[in-house]
C-alpha atoms as a PDB file:
ATOM      1  CA  MET A   1      -0.048  -0.101  -0.098  1.00  0.00           C
ATOM      2  CA  SER A   2       1.070   3.506  -0.715  1.00  0.00           C
ATOM      3  CA  ILE A   3       1.361   6.200   1.555  1.00  0.00           C
ATOM      4  CA  PRO A   4      -1.122   9.131   1.287  1.00  0.00           C
ATOM      5  CA  ASP A   5      -0.059  12.364   0.095  1.00  0.00           C
ATOM      6  CA  PRO A   6       0.941  14.772   2.942  1.00  0.00           C
ATOM      7  CA  PRO A   7      -0.999  17.314   4.305  1.00  0.00           C
ATOM      8  CA  SER A   8      -0.758  20.667   2.193  1.00  0.00           C
ATOM      9  CA  ALA A   9       1.970  22.970   3.582  1.00  0.00           C
ATOM     10  CA  ASP A  10      -0.679  25.496   4.344  1.00  0.00           C
ATOM     11  CA  ARG A  11      -2.079  22.994   7.348  1.00  0.00           C
ATOM     12  CA  LEU A  12       1.090  21.762   8.304  1.00  0.00           C
ATOM     13  CA  SER A  13       2.200  25.397   8.829  1.00  0.00           C
ATOM     14  CA  ALA A  14      -0.851  25.944  10.841  1.00  0.00           C
ATOM     15  CA  ALA A  15       0.908  26.133  14.138  1.00  0.00           C
ATOM     16  CA  SER A  16      -2.234  26.838  16.431  1.00  0.00           C
ATOM     17  CA  LYS A  17      -3.911  23.857  14.884  1.00  0.00           C
ATOM     18  CA  ARG A  18      -1.092  21.245  15.491  1.00  0.00           C
ATOM     19  CA  PRO A  19      -1.495  18.688  17.900  1.00  0.00           C
ATOM     20  CA  SER A  20       1.908  18.552  20.098  1.00  0.00           C
ATOM     21  CA  GLY A  21       1.526  14.881  20.968  1.00  0.00           C
ATOM     22  CA  PRO A  22       4.078  12.316  20.031  1.00  0.00           C
ATOM     23  CA  GLY A  23       4.374  11.716  16.015  1.00  0.00           C
ATOM     24  CA  SER A  24       2.792  15.513  15.499  1.00  0.00           C
ATOM     25  CA  THR A  25       5.411  16.572  12.971  1.00  0.00           C
ATOM     26  CA  PHE A  26       5.957  13.531   9.949  1.00  0.00           C
ATOM     27  CA  ASN A  27       9.616  12.269   9.870  1.00  0.00           C
ATOM     28  CA  SER A  28      10.178   9.166   7.836  1.00  0.00           C
ATOM     29  CA  SER A  29      13.721   8.779   9.289  1.00  0.00           C
ATOM     30  CA  ALA A  30      12.521   8.934  12.909  1.00  0.00           C
ATOM     31  CA  THR A  31      10.111   6.713  14.786  1.00  0.00           C
ATOM     32  CA  THR A  32       6.954   7.205  16.652  1.00  0.00           C
ATOM     33  CA  PRO A  33       4.943   5.072  19.277  1.00  0.00           C
ATOM     34  CA  ALA A  34       2.584   4.725  16.671  1.00  0.00           C
ATOM     35  CA  ALA A  35       4.740   3.603  14.144  1.00  0.00           C
ATOM     36  CA  THR A  36       6.443   1.417  16.505  1.00  0.00           C
ATOM     37  CA  TYR A  37       3.616  -0.209  17.622  1.00  0.00           C
ATOM     38  CA  ALA A  38       2.478  -1.261  14.386  1.00  0.00           C
ATOM     39  CA  ALA A  39       6.020  -2.625  13.336  1.00  0.00           C
ATOM     40  CA  LEU A  40       5.845  -4.982  16.424  1.00  0.00           C
ATOM     41  CA  ARG A  41       2.543  -6.119  14.948  1.00  0.00           C
ATOM     42  CA  GLY A  42       4.469  -6.985  12.069  1.00  0.00           C
ATOM     43  CA  SER A  43       2.351  -4.396   9.654  1.00  0.00           C
ATOM     44  CA  LYS A  44       3.718  -4.713   6.142  1.00  0.00           C
ATOM     45  CA  ASP A  45       3.734  -1.031   5.664  1.00  0.00           C
ATOM     46  CA  ALA A  46       6.208  -0.144   8.564  1.00  0.00           C
ATOM     47  CA  LEU A  47       8.653   2.285   7.485  1.00  0.00           C
ATOM     48  CA  PRO A  48      12.264   0.968   7.796  1.00  0.00           C
ATOM     49  CA  ALA A  49      12.888   2.983  11.101  1.00  0.00           C
ATOM     50  CA  ALA A  50       9.679   2.071  13.223  1.00  0.00           C
ATOM     51  CA  ARG A  51      10.937  -1.910  12.184  1.00  0.00           C
ATOM     52  CA  ALA A  52      14.732  -1.030  13.284  1.00  0.00           C
ATOM     53  CA  ALA A  53      13.389   0.243  16.450  1.00  0.00           C
ATOM     54  CA  GLY A  54      10.785  -2.264  17.062  1.00  0.00           C
ATOM     55  CA  GLU A  55      13.876  -5.299  16.334  1.00  0.00           C
ATOM     56  CA  GLU A  56      16.080  -3.234  18.942  1.00  0.00           C
ATOM     57  CA  LEU A  57      13.861  -3.203  21.580  1.00  0.00           C
ATOM     58  CA  ASN A  58      12.339  -6.831  21.264  1.00  0.00           C
ATOM     59  CA  LYS A  59      16.056  -7.684  21.348  1.00  0.00           C
ATOM     60  CA  ALA A  60      16.831  -5.592  24.683  1.00  0.00           C
ATOM     61  CA  LEU A  61      13.281  -7.370  26.228  1.00  0.00           C
ATOM     62  CA  GLY A  62      14.610 -10.998  25.298  1.00  0.00           C
ATOM     63  CA  GLY A  63      12.252 -11.125  22.466  1.00  0.00           C
ATOM     64  CA  VAL A  64       8.987 -10.938  23.928  1.00  0.00           C
ATOM     65  CA  VAL A  65       7.951  -7.302  23.101  1.00  0.00           C
ATOM     66  CA  ASP A  66       5.919  -8.550  19.605  1.00  0.00           C
ATOM     67  CA  GLN A  67       4.109 -11.262  21.494  1.00  0.00           C
ATOM     68  CA  VAL A  68       2.875  -8.368  24.327  1.00  0.00           C
ATOM     69  CA  THR A  69       2.344  -6.366  21.365  1.00  0.00           C
ATOM     70  CA  ARG A  70       0.037  -9.011  19.705  1.00  0.00           C
ATOM     71  CA  GLU A  71      -1.645 -10.071  23.182  1.00  0.00           C
ATOM     72  CA  ASN A  72      -2.367  -6.172  23.866  1.00  0.00           C
ATOM     73  CA  ALA A  73      -4.231  -5.946  20.287  1.00  0.00           C
ATOM     74  CA  LEU A  74      -6.197  -9.336  21.075  1.00  0.00           C
ATOM     75  CA  ALA A  75      -7.282  -8.110  24.266  1.00  0.00           C
ATOM     76  CA  LEU A  76      -8.544  -4.701  23.182  1.00  0.00           C
ATOM     77  CA  GLY A  77     -10.358  -6.965  20.256  1.00  0.00           C
ATOM     78  CA  ARG A  78     -12.488  -8.855  22.806  1.00  0.00           C
ATOM     79  CA  ALA A  79     -13.062  -5.814  24.863  1.00  0.00           C
ATOM     80  CA  VAL A  80     -14.649  -4.076  21.997  1.00  0.00           C
ATOM     81  CA  ARG A  81     -16.222  -7.026  20.724  1.00  0.00           C
ATOM     82  CA  TYR A  82     -17.871  -7.047  24.233  1.00  0.00           C
ATOM     83  CA  ALA A  83     -18.906  -3.629  24.363  1.00  0.00           C
ATOM     84  CA  ALA A  84     -20.736  -4.054  20.930  1.00  0.00           C
ATOM     85  CA  GLU A  85     -22.339  -7.173  22.250  1.00  0.00           C
ATOM     86  CA  GLN A  86     -23.823  -5.374  25.060  1.00  0.00           C
ATOM     87  CA  GLY A  87     -25.633  -2.877  22.471  1.00  0.00           C
ATOM     88  CA  HIS A  88     -22.988   0.083  22.235  1.00  0.00           C
ATOM     89  CA  THR A  89     -22.946   1.530  18.975  1.00  0.00           C
ATOM     90  CA  LEU A  90     -20.704   4.718  19.843  1.00  0.00           C
ATOM     91  CA  PHE A  91     -17.014   4.390  20.093  1.00  0.00           C
ATOM     92  CA  ALA A  92     -14.017   6.598  20.779  1.00  0.00           C
ATOM     93  CA  ASP A  93     -10.253   4.868  19.925  1.00  0.00           C
ATOM     94  CA  LEU A  94      -8.328   7.430  22.173  1.00  0.00           C
ATOM     95  CA  GLY A  95      -4.587   7.153  20.718  1.00  0.00           C
ATOM     96  CA  GLY A  96      -5.724   4.939  18.244  1.00  0.00           C
ATOM     97  CA  GLY A  97      -2.737   4.598  16.242  1.00  0.00           C
ATOM     98  CA  ILE A  98      -2.239   3.546  12.689  1.00  0.00           C
ATOM     99  CA  PRO A  99      -5.046   1.267  11.271  1.00  0.00           C
ATOM    100  CA  ILE A 100      -3.640  -1.889   9.966  1.00  0.00           C
ATOM    101  CA  GLN A 101      -6.380  -3.900   8.453  1.00  0.00           C
ATOM    102  CA  ARG A 102      -4.914  -7.037   8.760  1.00  0.00           C
ATOM    103  CA  SER A 103      -1.470  -6.353   7.336  1.00  0.00           C
ATOM    104  CA  ASP A 104       0.415  -7.636  10.203  1.00  0.00           C
ATOM    105  CA  SER A 105       1.916 -10.808  10.692  1.00  0.00           C
ATOM    106  CA  TRP A 106      -1.122 -12.589  12.328  1.00  0.00           C
ATOM    107  CA  GLY A 107      -3.897 -10.880  10.129  1.00  0.00           C
ATOM    108  CA  LEU A 108      -5.676  -9.270  12.693  1.00  0.00           C
ATOM    109  CA  PRO A 109      -8.617  -6.801  12.274  1.00  0.00           C
ATOM    110  CA  ASP A 110      -8.720  -3.218  13.846  1.00  0.00           C
ATOM    111  CA  LEU A 111     -10.815  -2.703  16.264  1.00  0.00           C
ATOM    112  CA  TYR A 112     -13.046  -0.853  14.029  1.00  0.00           C
ATOM    113  CA  ALA A 113     -13.776  -4.002  12.102  1.00  0.00           C
ATOM    114  CA  VAL A 114     -14.337  -6.042  15.400  1.00  0.00           C
ATOM    115  CA  ALA A 115     -17.157  -3.819  16.674  1.00  0.00           C
ATOM    116  CA  SER A 116     -18.720  -3.416  13.382  1.00  0.00           C
ATOM    117  CA  GLY A 117     -18.877  -7.235  12.928  1.00  0.00           C
ATOM    118  CA  VAL A 118     -21.151  -7.251  16.066  1.00  0.00           C
ATOM    119  CA  GLN A 119     -22.729  -3.521  15.389  1.00  0.00           C
ATOM    120  CA  PRO A 120     -23.013  -2.594  11.479  1.00  0.00           C
ATOM    121  CA  GLY A 121     -23.489   1.057  11.303  1.00  0.00           C
ATOM    122  CA  LEU A 122     -21.883   1.872  14.550  1.00  0.00           C
ATOM    123  CA  ARG A 123     -20.327   5.047  14.719  1.00  0.00           C
ATOM    124  CA  TRP A 124     -16.299   5.412  15.403  1.00  0.00           C
ATOM    125  CA  LEU A 125     -13.877   8.203  16.296  1.00  0.00           C
ATOM    126  CA  LEU A 126     -10.455   7.608  16.104  1.00  0.00           C
ATOM    127  CA  VAL A 127      -8.199  10.262  17.495  1.00  0.00           C
ATOM    128  CA  ASP A 128      -4.420  10.413  17.414  1.00  0.00           C
ATOM    129  CA  SER A 129      -1.634  13.040  17.662  1.00  0.00           C
ATOM    130  CA  ASP A 130       0.318  11.020  15.112  1.00  0.00           C
ATOM    131  CA  GLU A 131       0.739  12.682  11.630  1.00  0.00           C
ATOM    132  CA  LEU A 132       1.300   8.853   9.889  1.00  0.00           C
ATOM    133  CA  ALA A 133      -1.345   7.318  11.664  1.00  0.00           C
ATOM    134  CA  ILE A 134      -4.344  10.009  10.750  1.00  0.00           C
ATOM    135  CA  LEU A 135      -2.773   9.760   7.195  1.00  0.00           C
ATOM    136  CA  TYR A 136      -3.173   6.329   7.205  1.00  0.00           C
ATOM    137  CA  GLY A 137      -6.528   6.719   9.026  1.00  0.00           C
ATOM    138  CA  ARG A 138      -8.108   8.998   6.514  1.00  0.00           C
ATOM    139  CA  ALA A 139      -6.962   6.760   3.747  1.00  0.00           C
ATOM    140  CA  LEU A 140      -7.880   3.287   4.913  1.00  0.00           C
ATOM    141  CA  VAL A 141     -10.711   3.989   7.565  1.00  0.00           C
ATOM    142  CA  GLY A 142     -11.790   7.581   7.119  1.00  0.00           C
ATOM    143  CA  ARG A 143     -13.510   7.333   3.736  1.00  0.00           C
ATOM    144  CA  ASN A 144     -16.500   5.265   5.669  1.00  0.00           C
ATOM    145  CA  PRO A 145     -19.483   7.828   6.639  1.00  0.00           C
ATOM    146  CA  ASP A 146     -19.436   6.136   9.943  1.00  0.00           C
ATOM    147  CA  VAL A 147     -15.880   6.559  10.953  1.00  0.00           C
ATOM    148  CA  HIS A 148     -14.144   9.869  11.664  1.00  0.00           C
ATOM    149  CA  VAL A 149     -10.263  10.388  12.116  1.00  0.00           C
ATOM    150  CA  GLU A 150      -9.219  13.317  14.143  1.00  0.00           C
ATOM    151  CA  TRP A 151      -5.971  14.741  14.341  1.00  0.00           C
ATOM    152  CA  GLU A 152      -5.692  15.913  18.377  1.00  0.00           C
ATOM    153  CA  ASP A 153      -3.222  15.334  21.588  1.00  0.00           C
ATOM    154  CA  LEU A 154      -4.983  13.698  24.176  1.00  0.00           C
ATOM    155  CA  ARG A 155      -3.128  16.306  26.652  1.00  0.00           C
ATOM    156  CA  GLN A 156      -6.094  18.314  25.894  1.00  0.00           C
ATOM    157  CA  PRO A 157      -9.213  17.233  26.758  1.00  0.00           C
ATOM    158  CA  ALA A 158     -11.346  19.871  26.316  1.00  0.00           C
ATOM    159  CA  LYS A 159     -10.427  19.561  22.300  1.00  0.00           C
ATOM    160  CA  VAL A 160     -11.149  15.741  22.500  1.00  0.00           C
ATOM    161  CA  LEU A 161     -14.330  16.183  24.365  1.00  0.00           C
ATOM    162  CA  HIS A 162     -15.430  18.392  21.591  1.00  0.00           C
ATOM    163  CA  LEU A 163     -14.536  15.900  19.072  1.00  0.00           C
ATOM    164  CA  LEU A 164     -16.774  13.516  20.782  1.00  0.00           C
ATOM    165  CA  ASP A 165     -19.599  15.707  20.709  1.00  0.00           C
ATOM    166  CA  LEU A 166     -19.184  16.202  17.277  1.00  0.00           C
ATOM    167  CA  HIS A 167     -18.982  13.061  16.044  1.00  0.00           C
ATOM    168  CA  LEU A 168     -20.624  10.795  18.432  1.00  0.00           C
ATOM    169  CA  GLY A 169     -22.985  13.300  19.850  1.00  0.00           C
ATOM    170  CA  VAL A 170     -23.794  14.607  23.764  1.00  0.00           C
ATOM    171  CA  LYS A 171     -26.076  12.477  26.002  1.00  0.00           C
ATOM    172  CA  GLN A 172     -25.009   9.252  24.461  1.00  0.00           C
ATOM    173  CA  LYS A 173     -23.426   6.267  26.336  1.00  0.00           C
ATOM    174  CA  ILE A 174     -19.812   6.270  24.481  1.00  0.00           C
ATOM    175  CA  VAL A 175     -17.200   3.565  24.682  1.00  0.00           C
ATOM    176  CA  CYS A 176     -13.724   4.920  24.740  1.00  0.00           C
ATOM    177  CA  VAL A 177     -10.414   2.805  24.254  1.00  0.00           C
ATOM    178  CA  LEU A 178      -7.256   4.202  25.668  1.00  0.00           C
ATOM    179  CA  GLY A 179      -4.969   1.614  24.252  1.00  0.00           C
ATOM    180  CA  ALA A 180      -1.473   1.851  25.276  1.00  0.00           C
ATOM    181  CA  VAL A 181      -1.582   5.568  25.804  1.00  0.00           C
ATOM    182  CA  LEU A 182      -1.937   6.209  29.431  1.00  0.00           C
ATOM    183  CA  HIS A 183       1.750   5.345  29.972  1.00  0.00           C
ATOM    184  CA  PHE A 184       3.083   8.251  27.826  1.00  0.00           C
ATOM    185  CA  MET A 185       1.204  10.542  29.996  1.00  0.00           C
ATOM    186  CA  THR A 186       2.234  12.122  33.315  1.00  0.00           C
ATOM    187  CA  ASP A 187       0.438  11.242  36.522  1.00  0.00           C
ATOM    188  CA  ARG A 188      -1.501  14.734  36.256  1.00  0.00           C
ATOM    189  CA  GLN A 189      -2.003  14.789  32.172  1.00  0.00           C
ATOM    190  CA  ALA A 190      -3.558  11.045  32.414  1.00  0.00           C
ATOM    191  CA  ALA A 191      -5.644  11.776  35.748  1.00  0.00           C
ATOM    192  CA  THR A 192      -6.751  15.295  33.818  1.00  0.00           C
ATOM    193  CA  LEU A 193      -8.047  13.231  30.790  1.00  0.00           C
ATOM    194  CA  VAL A 194      -9.790  10.464  32.752  1.00  0.00           C
ATOM    195  CA  SER A 195     -11.424  13.023  35.129  1.00  0.00           C
ATOM    196  CA  ALA A 196     -12.565  15.281  32.031  1.00  0.00           C
ATOM    197  CA  LEU A 197     -13.950  12.208  30.398  1.00  0.00           C
ATOM    198  CA  TYR A 198     -15.871  11.256  33.635  1.00  0.00           C
ATOM    199  CA  GLU A 199     -17.521  14.227  34.166  1.00  0.00           C
ATOM    200  CA  HIS A 200     -18.576  14.688  30.594  1.00  0.00           C
ATOM    201  CA  LEU A 201     -19.873  11.094  29.537  1.00  0.00           C
ATOM    202  CA  VAL A 202     -23.246   9.978  30.522  1.00  0.00           C
ATOM    203  CA  PRO A 203     -23.802   6.595  33.139  1.00  0.00           C
ATOM    204  CA  GLY A 204     -23.147   3.254  31.542  1.00  0.00           C
ATOM    205  CA  SER A 205     -20.364   4.823  29.274  1.00  0.00           C
ATOM    206  CA  LEU A 206     -17.186   2.431  29.684  1.00  0.00           C
ATOM    207  CA  ILE A 207     -13.461   2.481  29.201  1.00  0.00           C
ATOM    208  CA  PHE A 208     -11.221   0.024  28.227  1.00  0.00           C
ATOM    209  CA  ALA A 209      -7.187   0.978  29.209  1.00  0.00           C
ATOM    210  CA  THR A 210      -4.035  -0.987  28.427  1.00  0.00           C
ATOM    211  CA  HIS A 211      -0.795  -0.008  30.200  1.00  0.00           C
ATOM    212  CA  VAL A 212       2.846  -1.248  30.152  1.00  0.00           C
ATOM    213  CA  THR A 213       3.602  -2.076  34.133  1.00  0.00           C
ATOM    214  CA  ARG A 214       6.768  -2.488  36.050  1.00  0.00           C
ATOM    215  CA  THR A 215       5.116  -5.137  38.199  1.00  0.00           C
ATOM    216  CA  GLY A 216       6.516  -8.655  37.445  1.00  0.00           C
ATOM    217  CA  LEU A 217       9.684  -7.401  35.739  1.00  0.00           C
ATOM    218  CA  PRO A 218      12.954  -7.619  37.075  1.00  0.00           C
ATOM    219  CA  PRO A 219      14.102  -3.884  37.949  1.00  0.00           C
ATOM    220  CA  GLU A 220      17.099  -3.888  35.698  1.00  0.00           C
ATOM    221  CA  MET A 221      15.080  -5.255  32.865  1.00  0.00           C
ATOM    222  CA  ALA A 222      12.199  -2.738  33.296  1.00  0.00           C
ATOM    223  CA  GLU A 223      14.752  -0.006  33.424  1.00  0.00           C
ATOM    224  CA  ARG A 224      16.835  -1.492  29.913  1.00  0.00           C
ATOM    225  CA  GLY A 225      13.340  -1.391  28.237  1.00  0.00           C
ATOM    226  CA  LYS A 226      12.017   2.141  29.332  1.00  0.00           C
ATOM    227  CA  GLU A 227      15.728   3.647  28.059  1.00  0.00           C
ATOM    228  CA  VAL A 228      15.764   1.944  24.893  1.00  0.00           C
ATOM    229  CA  TYR A 229      12.136   2.789  24.138  1.00  0.00           C
ATOM    230  CA  GLU A 230      12.537   6.591  25.053  1.00  0.00           C
ATOM    231  CA  ARG A 231      15.662   6.523  23.041  1.00  0.00           C
ATOM    232  CA  LEU A 232      14.247   5.355  20.028  1.00  0.00           C
ATOM    233  CA  ASN A 233      10.992   6.989  20.025  1.00  0.00           C
ATOM    234  CA  GLY A 234      11.895  10.683  21.631  1.00  0.00           C
ATOM    235  CA  VAL A 235       9.324  10.576  24.269  1.00  0.00           C
ATOM    236  CA  GLU A 236       9.037   9.690  28.032  1.00  0.00           C
ATOM    237  CA  ILE A 237       7.285   6.303  29.096  1.00  0.00           C
ATOM    238  CA  HIS A 238       5.907   5.634  32.480  1.00  0.00           C
ATOM    239  CA  LEU A 239       6.331   2.095  34.010  1.00  0.00           C
ATOM    240  CA  ARG A 240       3.630   1.936  36.502  1.00  0.00           C
ATOM    241  CA  THR A 241       2.480  -0.886  39.368  1.00  0.00           C
ATOM    242  CA  GLU A 242      -0.556  -2.722  39.504  1.00  0.00           C
ATOM    243  CA  GLU A 243      -1.755  -0.481  42.307  1.00  0.00           C
ATOM    244  CA  GLU A 244      -0.745   2.890  40.323  1.00  0.00           C
ATOM    245  CA  ILE A 245      -2.446   1.325  37.176  1.00  0.00           C
ATOM    246  CA  THR A 246      -5.378   0.635  39.248  1.00  0.00           C
ATOM    247  CA  ALA A 247      -6.095   4.113  41.012  1.00  0.00           C
ATOM    248  CA  MET A 248      -5.755   6.027  37.109  1.00  0.00           C
ATOM    249  CA  ALA A 249      -9.546   4.622  36.743  1.00  0.00           C
ATOM    250  CA  GLY A 250     -10.193   7.767  39.088  1.00  0.00           C
ATOM    251  CA  PRO A 251     -14.172   7.967  39.523  1.00  0.00           C
ATOM    252  CA  PHE A 252     -14.757   5.280  37.227  1.00  0.00           C
ATOM    253  CA  GLU A 253     -15.984   1.886  38.767  1.00  0.00           C
ATOM    254  CA  ILE A 254     -13.491  -0.917  37.779  1.00  0.00           C
ATOM    255  CA  LYS A 255     -15.786  -3.902  36.346  1.00  0.00           C
ATOM    256  CA  PRO A 256     -14.952  -7.443  36.303  1.00  0.00           C
ATOM    257  CA  PRO A 257     -12.445  -8.905  35.943  1.00  0.00           C
ATOM    258  CA  GLY A 258     -10.881  -6.233  37.509  1.00  0.00           C
ATOM    259  CA  VAL A 259      -7.097  -5.027  36.841  1.00  0.00           C
ATOM    260  CA  VAL A 260      -5.510  -7.951  35.165  1.00  0.00           C
ATOM    261  CA  ARG A 261      -2.779  -9.072  32.570  1.00  0.00           C
ATOM    262  CA  THR A 262      -4.187  -8.643  28.774  1.00  0.00           C
ATOM    263  CA  ILE A 263      -3.839 -12.535  28.572  1.00  0.00           C
ATOM    264  CA  ASP A 264      -6.335 -12.847  31.389  1.00  0.00           C
ATOM    265  CA  PHE A 265      -8.685 -10.459  29.866  1.00  0.00           C
ATOM    266  CA  MET A 266     -12.062 -12.134  28.932  1.00  0.00           C
ATOM    267  CA  PRO A 267      -9.522 -14.799  27.572  1.00  0.00           C
ATOM    268  CA  PRO A 268     -10.825 -16.825  24.477  1.00  0.00           C
ATOM    269  CA  GLN A 269     -12.182 -20.230  24.973  1.00  0.00           C
ATOM    270  CA  GLU A 270     -10.541 -21.581  22.058  1.00  0.00           C
ATOM    271  CA  GLY A 271      -7.542 -21.000  20.197  1.00  0.00           C
ATOM    272  CA  PRO A 272      -3.738 -21.700  21.212  1.00  0.00           C
ATOM    273  CA  ALA A 273      -3.086 -20.681  24.906  1.00  0.00           C
ATOM    274  CA  PRO A 274      -1.129 -17.234  24.865  1.00  0.00           C
ATOM    275  CA  GLU A 275       2.445 -17.208  26.241  1.00  0.00           C
ATOM    276  CA  GLU A 276       3.333 -16.332  29.097  1.00  0.00           C
ATOM    277  CA  ALA A 277       5.690 -13.011  29.430  1.00  0.00           C
ATOM    278  CA  PRO A 278       5.486  -9.488  31.116  1.00  0.00           C
ATOM    279  CA  HIS A 279       2.204  -8.556  29.809  1.00  0.00           C
ATOM    280  CA  PHE A 280       0.505  -5.106  29.757  1.00  0.00           C
ATOM    281  CA  LEU A 281      -2.160  -4.905  32.872  1.00  0.00           C
ATOM    282  CA  MET A 282      -5.659  -3.803  31.811  1.00  0.00           C
ATOM    283  CA  TRP A 283      -9.282  -2.660  33.088  1.00  0.00           C
ATOM    284  CA  MET A 284     -12.683  -2.114  32.254  1.00  0.00           C
ATOM    285  CA  ALA A 285     -14.300   0.587  34.090  1.00  0.00           C
ATOM    286  CA  GLU A 286     -17.863   2.305  34.031  1.00  0.00           C
ATOM    287  CA  ARG A 287     -19.373   5.731  34.277  1.00  0.00           C
ATOM    288  CA  LEU A 288     -21.879   5.276  36.871  1.00  0.00           C
ATOM    289  CA  PRO A 289     -24.923   7.537  37.722  1.00  0.00           C
ATOM    290  CA  ASP A 290     -23.891  10.387  40.164  1.00  0.00           C
ATOM    291  CA  GLU A 291     -25.298   9.529  43.945  1.00  0.00           C
ATOM    292  CA  THR A 292     -26.826  12.607  43.846  1.00  0.00           C
ATOM    293  CA  GLY A 293     -29.135  11.859  40.908  1.00  0.00           C
ATOM    294  CA  ALA A 294     -27.703  15.211  39.345  1.00  0.00           C
ATOM    295  CA  GLN A 295     -27.308  15.498  35.708  1.00  0.00           C
ATOM    296  CA  PRO A 296     -23.804  15.119  35.153  1.00  0.00           C
ATOM    297  CA  PRO A 297     -22.207  17.838  32.603  1.00  0.00           C
ATOM    298  CA  ALA A 298     -22.535  15.745  29.259  1.00  0.00           C
ATOM    299  CA  GLU A 299     -26.301  16.236  29.299  1.00  0.00           C
ATOM    300  CA  ARG A 300     -25.836  19.825  29.570  1.00  0.00           C
ATOM    301  CA  SER A 301     -25.066  22.050  26.817  1.00  0.00           C
ATOM    302  CA  VAL A 302     -21.146  22.203  25.785  1.00  0.00           C
END
């Protein structure tokens, strides 16, 4: 697949509109979290820099990173399938990365394809700050009138909430996916985003989050992986403990199965058993009704 034409010079020069997150300026000789993730998935369209970064990271962590990445993708797929089976039809993939469309080593579908297979005609919003993710997203899935691809930094929650309202509507239950993104945010940034989502979403909305963890990792391996990842991708990554990742759900209520490894989140009943590795941790949380009975801010005009 050829890479779509880059944005116009006018758009790239509009600094006031440019997100400042990872990958907000495209550089084919460098890599980003989204590009490295796609390379670790074995995407056939991964750029050379991303492939090299994935290989070096995998080597530094004993060859388990691609397996961990695969299990993360599978767990998120099970999550959105579950939400769709529960009747949800509005999804926001926040920090959704580069659509792969079964071009990875395992032929896995993108999350949109998983959910729409259960709920045809659902509405899907992909938000990312990575320029390449937006280019691929608009070329591959953005032509579907039910799919919207927007370029924004998750550290700007007010702008993210505006996109939710614009494309998914207000007073609606929304499923938000935070797949492997909170670990690129400081404690304060992540807490601000999650709190903003809680205040804005209506009861019954869900959040799924996956997060890299240092729990269960030898300290020297954790630090080596952190150093290699940050050097290759030019971003800071926060390795948090299970307790810290649990706390990131904030006011949302974590639902069963609780905070678990991705391989233990609604594990499939058939197929090969997942391989043991220092997997990401994952939780599913729900926005419950306010105890006071007051309307949440999302039901008021924005």
